[in-house]
Amino acid sequence: MEDPKEMIANLNKQISELKSQVKSATLEMEMMRARMTDLRKDAQQAVQIERFIIPDADRLGEINDLVDLMDKAIKKTRRSRKAQAEKTGRPDSAPPRKVDERMILIVLKLRRKGCYIREIADHTGLAHGTVHNIIKKFGSNPQMQSLVTEGTQMELTDYLLIRPEDEADGYDA
């Protein structure tokens, strides 16, 4: 039979090893929970996909021409002190504009040229919030940036853009 002191020391050693295993398991569980949370967020975004159709070369040319005209008009408005004093905003009787891929590209191209959200909204007939939401939603997408900066027809027929869960219902939040 073993000495009671040795038995106590042996049991204390076993308890210490078990505590270490519990700590290790707890850390692993926390890491797994964090990973599961990340995967859940990724899965929620992956199921909400929106199709963005790239316009053909003629339509893209039309968009670029329209952007240039609006850019010139915005810069002219900036230079005019009288226009600044008489700034009226969008009339209430005007119906809201439909936001399609053409309008999205126009907004992003004007923003790329340094126009302010308010100026873009005034010249496109869109609400300020709509312009802001378009820029927020599509402005940081690298594929869209390539399309906005190059302005050329891509080989792909469309892009798949991931929409965050809270913006899946429309362009105006």
N, C-alpha and C. Protein backbone atom coordinates (compact mmCIF):
# COMPACT_ATOMS: atom_id res chain seq x y z
N MET A 1 0.82 -1.16 0.00
CA MET A 1 0.00 0.00 0.00
C MET A 1 0.88 1.25 0.00
N GLU A 2 0.39 2.26 -0.70
CA GLU A 2 1.18 3.50 -0.84
C GLU A 2 1.06 4.37 0.40
N ASP A 3 2.05 5.19 0.50
CA ASP A 3 2.07 6.17 1.57
C ASP A 3 0.97 7.21 1.29
N PRO A 4 0.22 7.64 2.31
CA PRO A 4 -0.87 8.61 2.09
C PRO A 4 -0.38 9.93 1.48
N LYS A 5 0.83 10.36 1.80
CA LYS A 5 1.36 11.60 1.23
C LYS A 5 1.59 11.44 -0.26
N GLU A 6 2.06 10.26 -0.67
CA GLU A 6 2.28 10.02 -2.10
C GLU A 6 0.94 9.97 -2.83
N MET A 7 -0.05 9.34 -2.20
CA MET A 7 -1.38 9.27 -2.81
C MET A 7 -1.96 10.66 -2.99
N ILE A 8 -1.80 11.52 -1.99
CA ILE A 8 -2.31 12.90 -2.07
C ILE A 8 -1.57 13.67 -3.16
N ALA A 9 -0.26 13.51 -3.22
CA ALA A 9 0.55 14.19 -4.24
C ALA A 9 0.14 13.71 -5.63
N ASN A 10 -0.08 12.40 -5.77
CA ASN A 10 -0.49 11.83 -7.05
C ASN A 10 -1.88 12.36 -7.47
N LEU A 11 -2.79 12.42 -6.49
CA LEU A 11 -4.13 12.94 -6.78
C LEU A 11 -4.08 14.42 -7.14
N ASN A 12 -3.25 15.19 -6.43
CA ASN A 12 -3.10 16.62 -6.75
C ASN A 12 -2.55 16.81 -8.16
N LYS A 13 -1.61 15.95 -8.55
CA LYS A 13 -1.04 16.01 -9.89
C LYS A 13 -2.12 15.72 -10.93
N GLN A 14 -2.95 14.70 -10.66
CA GLN A 14 -4.03 14.35 -11.58
C GLN A 14 -5.05 15.49 -11.69
N ILE A 15 -5.36 16.11 -10.55
CA ILE A 15 -6.29 17.25 -10.55
C ILE A 15 -5.72 18.40 -11.37
N SER A 16 -4.45 18.66 -11.21
CA SER A 16 -3.80 19.73 -11.95
C SER A 16 -3.84 19.46 -13.46
N GLU A 17 -3.58 18.20 -13.86
CA GLU A 17 -3.64 17.84 -15.27
C GLU A 17 -5.06 17.99 -15.83
N LEU A 18 -6.05 17.59 -15.04
CA LEU A 18 -7.44 17.71 -15.46
C LEU A 18 -7.84 19.19 -15.63
N LYS A 19 -7.38 20.05 -14.70
CA LYS A 19 -7.66 21.49 -14.82
C LYS A 19 -7.05 22.05 -16.10
N SER A 20 -5.85 21.62 -16.41
CA SER A 20 -5.18 22.07 -17.63
C SER A 20 -5.94 21.63 -18.87
N GLN A 21 -6.44 20.38 -18.85
CA GLN A 21 -7.23 19.88 -19.97
C GLN A 21 -8.54 20.65 -20.13
N VAL A 22 -9.17 20.99 -19.02
CA VAL A 22 -10.42 21.75 -19.06
C VAL A 22 -10.17 23.14 -19.65
N LYS A 23 -9.08 23.80 -19.22
CA LYS A 23 -8.75 25.12 -19.76
C LYS A 23 -8.51 25.04 -21.26
N SER A 24 -7.79 24.05 -21.70
CA SER A 24 -7.50 23.86 -23.12
C SER A 24 -8.79 23.62 -23.91
N ALA A 25 -9.66 22.78 -23.37
CA ALA A 25 -10.93 22.49 -24.03
C ALA A 25 -11.81 23.73 -24.09
N THR A 26 -11.80 24.53 -23.03
CA THR A 26 -12.59 25.76 -22.99
C THR A 26 -12.11 26.73 -24.07
N LEU A 27 -10.81 26.88 -24.19
CA LEU A 27 -10.24 27.74 -25.22
C LEU A 27 -10.63 27.26 -26.61
N GLU A 28 -10.55 25.97 -26.85
CA GLU A 28 -10.93 25.41 -28.14
C GLU A 28 -12.41 25.66 -28.42
N MET A 29 -13.25 25.51 -27.40
CA MET A 29 -14.68 25.75 -27.59
C MET A 29 -14.96 27.21 -27.94
N GLU A 30 -14.27 28.14 -27.30
CA GLU A 30 -14.45 29.56 -27.61
C GLU A 30 -14.03 29.86 -29.05
N MET A 31 -12.92 29.26 -29.47
CA MET A 31 -12.46 29.45 -30.84
C MET A 31 -13.48 28.88 -31.83
N MET A 32 -14.05 27.73 -31.50
CA MET A 32 -15.07 27.13 -32.37
C MET A 32 -16.33 27.99 -32.43
N ARG A 33 -16.73 28.55 -31.28
CA ARG A 33 -17.90 29.44 -31.27
C ARG A 33 -17.66 30.66 -32.16
N ALA A 34 -16.48 31.25 -32.07
CA ALA A 34 -16.15 32.42 -32.90
C ALA A 34 -16.18 32.04 -34.37
N ARG A 35 -15.63 30.91 -34.70
CA ARG A 35 -15.62 30.44 -36.09
C ARG A 35 -17.04 30.18 -36.59
N MET A 36 -17.88 29.60 -35.72
CA MET A 36 -19.27 29.35 -36.09
C MET A 36 -20.02 30.66 -36.35
N THR A 37 -19.75 31.66 -35.55
CA THR A 37 -20.36 32.97 -35.75
C THR A 37 -19.95 33.56 -37.09
N ASP A 38 -18.66 33.48 -37.41
CA ASP A 38 -18.16 33.96 -38.70
C ASP A 38 -18.81 33.21 -39.86
N LEU A 39 -18.89 31.90 -39.73
CA LEU A 39 -19.50 31.09 -40.79
C LEU A 39 -20.98 31.43 -40.95
N ARG A 40 -21.67 31.67 -39.85
CA ARG A 40 -23.08 32.03 -39.92
C ARG A 40 -23.26 33.34 -40.68
N LYS A 41 -22.41 34.33 -40.40
CA LYS A 41 -22.49 35.61 -41.11
C LYS A 41 -22.20 35.42 -42.60
N ASP A 42 -21.17 34.64 -42.91
CA ASP A 42 -20.84 34.38 -44.31
C ASP A 42 -21.99 33.68 -45.03
N ALA A 43 -22.62 32.74 -44.35
CA ALA A 43 -23.73 32.00 -44.96
C ALA A 43 -24.93 32.92 -45.20
N GLN A 44 -25.21 33.81 -44.28
CA GLN A 44 -26.32 34.74 -44.46
C GLN A 44 -26.07 35.65 -45.65
N GLN A 45 -24.85 36.10 -45.84
CA GLN A 45 -24.54 36.95 -46.98
C GLN A 45 -24.57 36.16 -48.28
N ALA A 46 -24.12 34.93 -48.24
CA ALA A 46 -24.02 34.13 -49.46
C ALA A 46 -25.39 33.80 -50.04
N VAL A 47 -26.40 33.71 -49.22
CA VAL A 47 -27.72 33.36 -49.75
C VAL A 47 -28.47 34.58 -50.28
N GLN A 48 -27.98 35.77 -50.03
CA GLN A 48 -28.62 36.97 -50.54
C GLN A 48 -27.77 37.54 -51.66
N ILE A 49 -28.02 37.06 -52.84
CA ILE A 49 -27.21 37.45 -54.00
C ILE A 49 -28.07 38.30 -54.94
N GLU A 50 -27.48 39.34 -55.45
CA GLU A 50 -28.17 40.20 -56.39
C GLU A 50 -27.40 40.20 -57.71
N ARG A 51 -28.13 40.13 -58.78
CA ARG A 51 -27.51 40.14 -60.09
C ARG A 51 -27.33 41.58 -60.55
N PHE A 52 -26.15 41.90 -61.04
CA PHE A 52 -25.88 43.21 -61.62
C PHE A 52 -25.48 42.99 -63.06
N ILE A 53 -26.32 43.41 -63.97
CA ILE A 53 -26.07 43.18 -65.40
C ILE A 53 -25.19 44.30 -65.93
N ILE A 54 -24.11 43.93 -66.57
CA ILE A 54 -23.19 44.92 -67.15
C ILE A 54 -23.79 45.38 -68.47
N PRO A 55 -23.90 46.68 -68.65
CA PRO A 55 -24.44 47.19 -69.91
C PRO A 55 -23.52 46.87 -71.09
N ASP A 56 -24.12 46.81 -72.28
CA ASP A 56 -23.30 46.57 -73.47
C ASP A 56 -22.49 47.83 -73.78
N ALA A 57 -21.63 47.75 -74.79
CA ALA A 57 -20.69 48.84 -75.09
C ALA A 57 -21.42 50.14 -75.44
N ASP A 58 -22.50 50.06 -76.20
CA ASP A 58 -23.25 51.27 -76.58
C ASP A 58 -23.87 51.93 -75.35
N ARG A 59 -24.48 51.11 -74.52
CA ARG A 59 -25.13 51.64 -73.31
C ARG A 59 -24.09 52.21 -72.34
N LEU A 60 -22.94 51.56 -72.25
CA LEU A 60 -21.87 52.06 -71.39
C LEU A 60 -21.33 53.39 -71.93
N GLY A 61 -21.24 53.50 -73.24
CA GLY A 61 -20.83 54.77 -73.85
C GLY A 61 -21.82 55.88 -73.53
N GLU A 62 -23.11 55.54 -73.61
CA GLU A 62 -24.16 56.50 -73.27
C GLU A 62 -24.05 56.94 -71.81
N ILE A 63 -23.78 55.97 -70.94
CA ILE A 63 -23.62 56.28 -69.51
C ILE A 63 -22.43 57.20 -69.30
N ASN A 64 -21.31 56.91 -69.96
CA ASN A 64 -20.12 57.75 -69.82
C ASN A 64 -20.37 59.16 -70.32
N ASP A 65 -21.10 59.31 -71.45
CA ASP A 65 -21.43 60.64 -71.98
C ASP A 65 -22.32 61.40 -71.00
N LEU A 66 -23.31 60.71 -70.45
CA LEU A 66 -24.21 61.32 -69.48
C LEU A 66 -23.46 61.74 -68.22
N VAL A 67 -22.55 60.90 -67.78
CA VAL A 67 -21.74 61.24 -66.59
C VAL A 67 -20.90 62.48 -66.86
N ASP A 68 -20.30 62.56 -68.04
CA ASP A 68 -19.51 63.74 -68.39
C ASP A 68 -20.36 65.01 -68.38
N LEU A 69 -21.58 64.92 -68.96
CA LEU A 69 -22.47 66.08 -68.97
C LEU A 69 -22.86 66.49 -67.56
N MET A 70 -23.21 65.50 -66.74
CA MET A 70 -23.59 65.82 -65.36
C MET A 70 -22.41 66.37 -64.58
N ASP A 71 -21.23 65.83 -64.82
CA ASP A 71 -20.04 66.32 -64.14
C ASP A 71 -19.79 67.78 -64.49
N LYS A 72 -19.94 68.13 -65.77
CA LYS A 72 -19.76 69.53 -66.19
C LYS A 72 -20.82 70.41 -65.54
N ALA A 73 -22.06 69.93 -65.49
CA ALA A 73 -23.13 70.72 -64.88
C ALA A 73 -22.87 70.92 -63.40
N ILE A 74 -22.39 69.90 -62.73
CA ILE A 74 -22.10 70.00 -61.30
C ILE A 74 -20.97 70.99 -61.06
N LYS A 75 -19.93 70.91 -61.87
CA LYS A 75 -18.80 71.84 -61.71
C LYS A 75 -19.23 73.28 -62.00
N LYS A 76 -20.13 73.45 -62.98
CA LYS A 76 -20.64 74.79 -63.27
C LYS A 76 -21.44 75.32 -62.09
N THR A 77 -22.25 74.46 -61.49
CA THR A 77 -23.04 74.85 -60.33
C THR A 77 -22.14 75.23 -59.16
N ARG A 78 -21.06 74.50 -59.00
CA ARG A 78 -20.12 74.81 -57.92
C ARG A 78 -19.54 76.20 -58.08
N ARG A 79 -19.24 76.57 -59.34
CA ARG A 79 -18.60 77.87 -59.58
C ARG A 79 -19.57 79.04 -59.43
N SER A 80 -20.81 78.77 -59.56
CA SER A 80 -21.80 79.84 -59.55
C SER A 80 -22.24 80.17 -58.12
N ARG A 81 -21.89 81.34 -57.65
CA ARG A 81 -22.31 81.75 -56.30
C ARG A 81 -23.82 81.95 -56.23
N LYS A 82 -24.38 82.39 -57.32
CA LYS A 82 -25.81 82.60 -57.35
C LYS A 82 -26.55 81.28 -57.18
N ALA A 83 -26.05 80.24 -57.82
CA ALA A 83 -26.69 78.92 -57.70
C ALA A 83 -26.59 78.42 -56.27
N GLN A 84 -25.48 78.71 -55.60
CA GLN A 84 -25.34 78.30 -54.20
C GLN A 84 -26.37 79.00 -53.32
N ALA A 85 -26.63 80.30 -53.58
CA ALA A 85 -27.57 81.06 -52.77
C ALA A 85 -29.01 80.62 -53.03
N GLU A 86 -29.30 80.19 -54.26
CA GLU A 86 -30.67 79.82 -54.64
C GLU A 86 -30.91 78.32 -54.59
N LYS A 87 -30.07 77.61 -53.92
CA LYS A 87 -30.17 76.15 -53.85
C LYS A 87 -31.54 75.75 -53.29
N THR A 88 -32.28 74.96 -54.08
CA THR A 88 -33.65 74.64 -53.67
C THR A 88 -33.86 73.16 -53.38
N GLY A 89 -33.07 72.32 -53.92
CA GLY A 89 -33.26 70.88 -53.71
C GLY A 89 -34.22 70.29 -54.71
N ARG A 90 -34.60 69.07 -54.49
CA ARG A 90 -35.48 68.33 -55.40
C ARG A 90 -36.94 68.71 -55.16
N PRO A 91 -37.68 69.03 -56.23
CA PRO A 91 -39.09 69.39 -56.04
C PRO A 91 -39.90 68.19 -55.55
N ASP A 92 -40.93 68.50 -54.72
CA ASP A 92 -41.75 67.43 -54.15
C ASP A 92 -42.59 66.73 -55.21
N SER A 93 -42.94 67.41 -56.30
CA SER A 93 -43.82 66.82 -57.29
C SER A 93 -43.11 65.82 -58.21
N ALA A 94 -41.81 65.81 -58.19
CA ALA A 94 -41.08 64.90 -59.07
C ALA A 94 -41.19 63.47 -58.55
N PRO A 95 -41.55 62.54 -59.43
CA PRO A 95 -41.63 61.14 -58.98
C PRO A 95 -40.23 60.59 -58.73
N PRO A 96 -40.10 59.64 -57.81
CA PRO A 96 -38.78 59.08 -57.56
C PRO A 96 -38.27 58.33 -58.78
N ARG A 97 -36.96 58.42 -59.00
CA ARG A 97 -36.33 57.75 -60.14
C ARG A 97 -36.13 56.28 -59.83
N LYS A 98 -36.25 55.44 -60.87
CA LYS A 98 -36.00 54.02 -60.71
C LYS A 98 -34.49 53.80 -60.70
N VAL A 99 -34.03 53.01 -59.76
CA VAL A 99 -32.60 52.74 -59.64
C VAL A 99 -32.31 51.43 -60.36
N ASP A 100 -31.62 51.54 -61.50
CA ASP A 100 -31.22 50.36 -62.26
C ASP A 100 -29.71 50.38 -62.39
N GLU A 101 -29.15 49.41 -63.14
CA GLU A 101 -27.69 49.34 -63.25
C GLU A 101 -27.11 50.59 -63.90
N ARG A 102 -27.87 51.21 -64.80
CA ARG A 102 -27.42 52.44 -65.46
C ARG A 102 -27.25 53.55 -64.42
N MET A 103 -28.27 53.73 -63.58
CA MET A 103 -28.23 54.79 -62.57
C MET A 103 -27.13 54.50 -61.54
N ILE A 104 -26.95 53.24 -61.19
CA ILE A 104 -25.90 52.88 -60.24
C ILE A 104 -24.53 53.27 -60.79
N LEU A 105 -24.30 52.95 -62.05
CA LEU A 105 -23.01 53.30 -62.67
C LEU A 105 -22.83 54.82 -62.76
N ILE A 106 -23.90 55.53 -63.09
CA ILE A 106 -23.82 56.99 -63.17
C ILE A 106 -23.43 57.56 -61.80
N VAL A 107 -24.10 57.11 -60.75
CA VAL A 107 -23.81 57.60 -59.39
C VAL A 107 -22.36 57.30 -59.02
N LEU A 108 -21.91 56.06 -59.27
CA LEU A 108 -20.54 55.68 -58.89
C LEU A 108 -19.50 56.44 -59.71
N LYS A 109 -19.77 56.67 -60.98
CA LYS A 109 -18.81 57.41 -61.81
C LYS A 109 -18.73 58.88 -61.38
N LEU A 110 -19.89 59.48 -61.06
CA LEU A 110 -19.87 60.86 -60.58
C LEU A 110 -19.13 60.97 -59.25
N ARG A 111 -19.35 60.01 -58.38
CA ARG A 111 -18.65 60.01 -57.09
C ARG A 111 -17.15 59.87 -57.31
N ARG A 112 -16.77 59.00 -58.26
CA ARG A 112 -15.35 58.79 -58.59
C ARG A 112 -14.72 60.08 -59.10
N LYS A 113 -15.53 60.93 -59.77
CA LYS A 113 -15.02 62.20 -60.29
C LYS A 113 -14.98 63.28 -59.22
N GLY A 114 -15.37 62.93 -57.99
CA GLY A 114 -15.24 63.87 -56.87
C GLY A 114 -16.50 64.66 -56.57
N CYS A 115 -17.64 64.28 -57.12
CA CYS A 115 -18.89 65.01 -56.85
C CYS A 115 -19.43 64.59 -55.48
N TYR A 116 -20.07 65.55 -54.83
CA TYR A 116 -20.66 65.29 -53.52
C TYR A 116 -21.99 64.58 -53.68
N ILE A 117 -22.40 63.88 -52.63
CA ILE A 117 -23.66 63.13 -52.65
C ILE A 117 -24.83 64.06 -52.97
N ARG A 118 -24.87 65.21 -52.35
CA ARG A 118 -25.96 66.18 -52.58
C ARG A 118 -25.99 66.62 -54.05
N GLU A 119 -24.82 66.86 -54.63
CA GLU A 119 -24.77 67.27 -56.04
C GLU A 119 -25.24 66.16 -56.96
N ILE A 120 -24.81 64.95 -56.66
CA ILE A 120 -25.23 63.81 -57.48
C ILE A 120 -26.74 63.64 -57.39
N ALA A 121 -27.28 63.75 -56.18
CA ALA A 121 -28.73 63.61 -55.99
C ALA A 121 -29.49 64.69 -56.75
N ASP A 122 -29.03 65.93 -56.68
CA ASP A 122 -29.70 67.03 -57.36
C ASP A 122 -29.71 66.84 -58.87
N HIS A 123 -28.64 66.31 -59.43
CA HIS A 123 -28.54 66.17 -60.88
C HIS A 123 -29.10 64.87 -61.42
N THR A 124 -29.27 63.87 -60.59
CA THR A 124 -29.83 62.61 -61.06
C THR A 124 -31.31 62.47 -60.71
N GLY A 125 -31.80 63.31 -59.80
CA GLY A 125 -33.18 63.21 -59.38
C GLY A 125 -33.42 62.16 -58.32
N LEU A 126 -32.36 61.61 -57.78
CA LEU A 126 -32.48 60.61 -56.72
C LEU A 126 -32.45 61.30 -55.36
N ALA A 127 -32.99 60.63 -54.37
CA ALA A 127 -32.92 61.15 -53.01
C ALA A 127 -31.49 61.04 -52.50
N HIS A 128 -31.13 61.91 -51.58
CA HIS A 128 -29.76 61.89 -51.02
C HIS A 128 -29.46 60.55 -50.38
N GLY A 129 -30.43 60.01 -49.66
CA GLY A 129 -30.24 58.71 -49.01
C GLY A 129 -30.03 57.59 -50.01
N THR A 130 -30.74 57.66 -51.14
CA THR A 130 -30.57 56.64 -52.18
C THR A 130 -29.17 56.69 -52.76
N VAL A 131 -28.68 57.89 -53.04
CA VAL A 131 -27.32 58.05 -53.56
C VAL A 131 -26.31 57.51 -52.54
N HIS A 132 -26.52 57.87 -51.28
CA HIS A 132 -25.62 57.40 -50.23
C HIS A 132 -25.64 55.88 -50.15
N ASN A 133 -26.84 55.28 -50.21
CA ASN A 133 -26.95 53.82 -50.13
C ASN A 133 -26.30 53.13 -51.32
N ILE A 134 -26.42 53.70 -52.51
CA ILE A 134 -25.77 53.12 -53.69
C ILE A 134 -24.26 53.13 -53.50
N ILE A 135 -23.72 54.25 -53.06
CA ILE A 135 -22.27 54.36 -52.86
C ILE A 135 -21.82 53.40 -51.77
N LYS A 136 -22.59 53.31 -50.69
CA LYS A 136 -22.24 52.41 -49.59
C LYS A 136 -22.28 50.96 -50.04
N LYS A 137 -23.30 50.60 -50.83
CA LYS A 137 -23.52 49.22 -51.23
C LYS A 137 -22.55 48.75 -52.31
N PHE A 138 -22.32 49.58 -53.30
CA PHE A 138 -21.56 49.16 -54.47
C PHE A 138 -20.18 49.81 -54.59
N GLY A 139 -19.94 50.89 -53.84
CA GLY A 139 -18.72 51.67 -54.03
C GLY A 139 -17.43 50.97 -53.68
N SER A 140 -17.45 50.04 -52.73
CA SER A 140 -16.21 49.40 -52.31
C SER A 140 -15.98 48.04 -52.97
N ASN A 141 -16.90 47.61 -53.81
CA ASN A 141 -16.75 46.32 -54.49
C ASN A 141 -15.66 46.45 -55.55
N PRO A 142 -14.59 45.64 -55.50
CA PRO A 142 -13.49 45.78 -56.44
C PRO A 142 -13.91 45.57 -57.90
N GLN A 143 -14.87 44.68 -58.13
CA GLN A 143 -15.32 44.45 -59.51
C GLN A 143 -16.04 45.69 -60.03
N MET A 144 -16.85 46.32 -59.19
CA MET A 144 -17.56 47.53 -59.59
C MET A 144 -16.56 48.67 -59.80
N GLN A 145 -15.56 48.77 -58.94
CA GLN A 145 -14.56 49.81 -59.10
C GLN A 145 -13.84 49.67 -60.43
N SER A 146 -13.57 48.44 -60.82
CA SER A 146 -12.93 48.20 -62.11
C SER A 146 -13.83 48.68 -63.24
N LEU A 147 -15.10 48.40 -63.15
CA LEU A 147 -16.05 48.83 -64.17
C LEU A 147 -16.19 50.34 -64.19
N VAL A 148 -16.22 50.96 -63.02
CA VAL A 148 -16.39 52.41 -62.91
C VAL A 148 -15.15 53.13 -63.45
N THR A 149 -13.97 52.66 -63.11
CA THR A 149 -12.76 53.36 -63.52
C THR A 149 -12.37 53.09 -64.97
N GLU A 150 -12.55 51.86 -65.42
CA GLU A 150 -12.16 51.55 -66.79
C GLU A 150 -13.22 52.00 -67.78
N GLY A 151 -14.49 51.76 -67.43
CA GLY A 151 -15.55 52.16 -68.32
C GLY A 151 -15.61 51.33 -69.58
N THR A 152 -15.11 50.12 -69.55
CA THR A 152 -15.12 49.28 -70.74
C THR A 152 -15.97 48.06 -70.50
N GLN A 153 -16.41 47.44 -71.58
CA GLN A 153 -17.22 46.23 -71.47
C GLN A 153 -16.34 45.08 -70.99
N MET A 154 -16.79 44.38 -69.98
CA MET A 154 -16.07 43.23 -69.46
C MET A 154 -16.50 41.99 -70.23
N GLU A 155 -15.72 40.93 -70.13
CA GLU A 155 -16.07 39.68 -70.77
C GLU A 155 -17.23 38.99 -70.07
N LEU A 156 -17.37 39.19 -68.78
CA LEU A 156 -18.45 38.57 -68.02
C LEU A 156 -19.78 39.22 -68.41
N THR A 157 -20.85 38.45 -68.37
CA THR A 157 -22.15 39.02 -68.70
C THR A 157 -22.76 39.72 -67.51
N ASP A 158 -22.33 39.37 -66.33
CA ASP A 158 -22.83 40.05 -65.14
C ASP A 158 -21.93 39.77 -63.95
N TYR A 159 -22.14 40.57 -62.91
CA TYR A 159 -21.42 40.39 -61.65
C TYR A 159 -22.39 39.83 -60.63
N LEU A 160 -21.88 39.08 -59.68
CA LEU A 160 -22.68 38.68 -58.53
C LEU A 160 -22.18 39.48 -57.35
N LEU A 161 -23.06 40.24 -56.78
CA LEU A 161 -22.68 41.08 -55.66
C LEU A 161 -23.37 40.59 -54.40
N ILE A 162 -22.63 40.52 -53.31
CA ILE A 162 -23.18 40.09 -52.03
C ILE A 162 -23.81 41.31 -51.37
N ARG A 163 -25.05 41.15 -50.96
CA ARG A 163 -25.73 42.24 -50.29
C ARG A 163 -25.83 41.92 -48.81
N PRO A 164 -25.47 42.86 -47.95
CA PRO A 164 -25.63 42.63 -46.51
C PRO A 164 -27.10 42.39 -46.19
N GLU A 165 -27.36 41.64 -45.15
CA GLU A 165 -28.71 41.20 -44.80
C GLU A 165 -29.68 42.35 -44.61
N ASP A 166 -29.26 43.42 -43.97
CA ASP A 166 -30.18 44.51 -43.65
C ASP A 166 -30.52 45.38 -44.85
N GLU A 167 -29.85 45.21 -45.99
CA GLU A 167 -30.12 46.03 -47.16
C GLU A 167 -30.71 45.21 -48.29
N ALA A 168 -31.18 44.04 -48.03
CA ALA A 168 -31.65 43.14 -49.07
C ALA A 168 -33.00 43.56 -49.64
N ASP A 169 -33.73 44.46 -48.99
CA ASP A 169 -35.08 44.75 -49.44
C ASP A 169 -35.16 45.90 -50.45
N GLY A 170 -34.14 46.69 -50.65
CA GLY A 170 -34.21 47.76 -51.64
C GLY A 170 -33.05 48.71 -51.52
N TYR A 171 -33.08 49.75 -52.38
CA TYR A 171 -31.98 50.70 -52.40
C TYR A 171 -32.13 51.79 -51.36
N ASP A 172 -33.37 52.13 -51.00
CA ASP A 172 -33.58 53.10 -49.92
C ASP A 172 -33.74 52.35 -48.63
N ALA A 173 -32.87 52.59 -47.67
CA ALA A 173 -32.95 51.86 -46.39
C ALA A 173 -33.96 52.50 -45.48
